[in-house]
Protein backbone atom coordinates (compact mmCIF):
# COMPACT_ATOMS: atom_id res chain seq x y z
CA MET A 1 -44.16 -15.19 3.65
CA ALA A 2 -41.95 -14.04 6.52
CA TYR A 3 -42.24 -10.67 8.24
CA LEU A 4 -40.58 -8.82 11.14
CA LYS A 5 -42.37 -8.39 14.44
CA GLN A 6 -41.31 -6.46 17.52
CA LYS A 7 -42.34 -7.22 21.09
CA PRO A 8 -41.83 -4.44 23.62
CA ARG A 9 -40.89 -5.49 27.16
CA ARG A 10 -40.61 -3.35 30.28
CA LEU A 11 -37.26 -3.80 32.02
CA ALA A 12 -36.68 -3.65 35.79
CA ASP A 13 -35.58 0.00 35.61
CA GLY A 14 -38.83 0.97 33.84
CA THR A 15 -37.45 1.44 30.34
CA ILE A 16 -39.01 -0.36 27.42
CA GLN A 17 -36.79 -2.64 25.30
CA LYS A 18 -37.93 -3.87 21.87
CA TYR A 19 -37.14 -7.45 20.88
CA TRP A 20 -37.38 -8.48 17.23
CA TYR A 21 -38.53 -11.75 15.67
CA ARG A 22 -38.85 -13.05 12.13
CA CYS A 23 -42.31 -14.66 11.97
CA GLU A 24 -44.56 -16.42 9.51
CA ALA A 25 -48.36 -16.59 9.43
CA TYR A 26 -50.23 -19.80 8.66
CA ARG A 27 -53.59 -21.46 9.30
CA ASP A 28 -53.94 -24.48 11.56
CA ASP A 29 -56.04 -27.60 10.85
CA LYS A 30 -59.25 -25.84 11.86
CA GLY A 31 -58.55 -22.82 9.63
CA ARG A 32 -57.63 -20.46 12.46
CA PRO A 33 -54.78 -17.99 11.81
CA ARG A 34 -51.59 -18.72 13.73
CA GLU A 35 -48.11 -17.27 13.92
CA LYS A 36 -44.85 -19.18 13.95
CA VAL A 37 -41.58 -17.61 15.12
CA LEU A 38 -38.86 -18.56 12.65
CA GLU A 39 -35.91 -16.71 14.19
CA TYR A 40 -35.14 -14.55 17.20
CA LEU A 41 -33.26 -11.44 16.02
CA GLY A 42 -32.48 -9.82 19.37
CA VAL A 43 -32.69 -6.08 19.95
CA ASN A 44 -31.37 -5.17 16.49
CA PRO A 45 -33.26 -6.65 13.52
CA ASN A 46 -30.42 -5.77 11.14
CA ARG A 47 -27.85 -7.94 12.98
CA ARG A 48 -27.21 -11.35 11.50
CA VAL A 49 -25.03 -14.21 12.75
CA ILE A 50 -24.05 -16.66 10.03
CA PRO A 51 -22.32 -19.91 11.05
CA LEU A 52 -19.28 -20.79 8.92
CA ASP A 53 -17.29 -23.96 8.42
CA PRO A 54 -13.50 -23.63 9.01
CA THR A 55 -12.53 -23.64 5.32
CA LEU A 56 -15.01 -20.89 4.44
CA ALA A 57 -13.96 -18.93 7.53
CA ALA A 58 -10.35 -19.02 6.31
CA ARG A 59 -11.41 -17.68 2.90
CA VAL A 60 -13.43 -14.92 4.58
CA ALA A 61 -10.42 -13.98 6.74
CA VAL A 62 -8.21 -13.70 3.65
CA ALA A 63 -10.86 -11.53 1.96
CA PHE A 64 -10.89 -9.20 5.00
CA LEU A 65 -7.10 -8.98 5.20
CA GLU A 66 -6.62 -7.95 1.57
CA GLY A 67 -6.31 -4.18 1.98
CA LYS A 68 -8.89 -2.16 3.87
CA PRO A 69 -12.17 -2.81 2.05
CA SER A 70 -15.11 -0.44 2.23
CA PRO A 71 -18.53 -1.79 3.29
CA ASN A 72 -19.53 -2.09 -0.37
CA GLU A 73 -16.34 -3.99 -1.26
CA THR A 74 -16.82 -6.26 1.77
CA TRP A 75 -20.36 -7.05 0.64
CA MET A 76 -19.13 -7.85 -2.89
CA ARG A 77 -16.33 -10.09 -1.56
CA LEU A 78 -18.75 -12.01 0.67
CA LYS A 79 -21.14 -12.38 -2.24
CA SER A 80 -18.33 -13.79 -4.41
CA LEU A 81 -17.63 -16.37 -1.67
CA GLY A 82 -21.27 -17.51 -1.79
CA ILE A 83 -22.47 -15.72 1.36
CA ASP A 84 -25.70 -13.89 0.58
CA LEU A 85 -26.66 -11.05 2.89
CA PRO A 86 -30.08 -9.38 2.69
CA SER A 87 -28.55 -5.89 2.55
CA ARG A 88 -25.16 -4.23 2.52
CA PRO A 89 -23.76 -4.38 6.07
CA GLN A 90 -22.09 -1.43 7.78
CA GLN A 91 -20.06 -3.65 10.13
CA VAL A 92 -18.83 -7.18 9.56
CA SER A 93 -16.77 -9.27 11.98
CA LEU A 94 -15.46 -12.81 11.93
CA THR A 95 -15.69 -14.44 15.37
CA TYR A 96 -14.45 -17.71 16.82
CA ASN A 97 -15.94 -19.44 19.86
CA PRO A 98 -13.09 -21.57 21.34
CA PRO A 99 -15.15 -23.88 23.61
CA LEU A 100 -17.48 -24.82 20.75
CA ARG A 101 -14.78 -24.58 18.04
CA ARG A 102 -17.17 -22.67 15.78
CA TYR A 103 -16.69 -19.72 13.46
CA SER A 104 -19.40 -17.20 12.70
CA LEU A 105 -19.82 -14.05 10.67
CA ARG A 106 -21.61 -11.16 12.43
CA CYS A 107 -23.16 -8.50 10.21
CA GLU A 108 -24.93 -5.27 11.14
């Protein structure tokens, strides 16, 4: 079962920054407990980046352009397109990375 873990790090200016990871516990061959990092979440554990193929990205763009949806309506529209989010996001943005020619959906 996966869980969230934070690792505090001291920056050069002396402040402490928390970095979040999604981890999983398991036992190795000798029965010792170990931890495996499944995903690096950055400084905000609620932020998700979901890669999209171009056809799905076009359908998401049309869903965003239809009126001015509330966060709840946005979540429902994404769910109807087959994109499952763990919780209702407050901010959603569709991004395009030109050098890589990739679309992604950023949710916070």
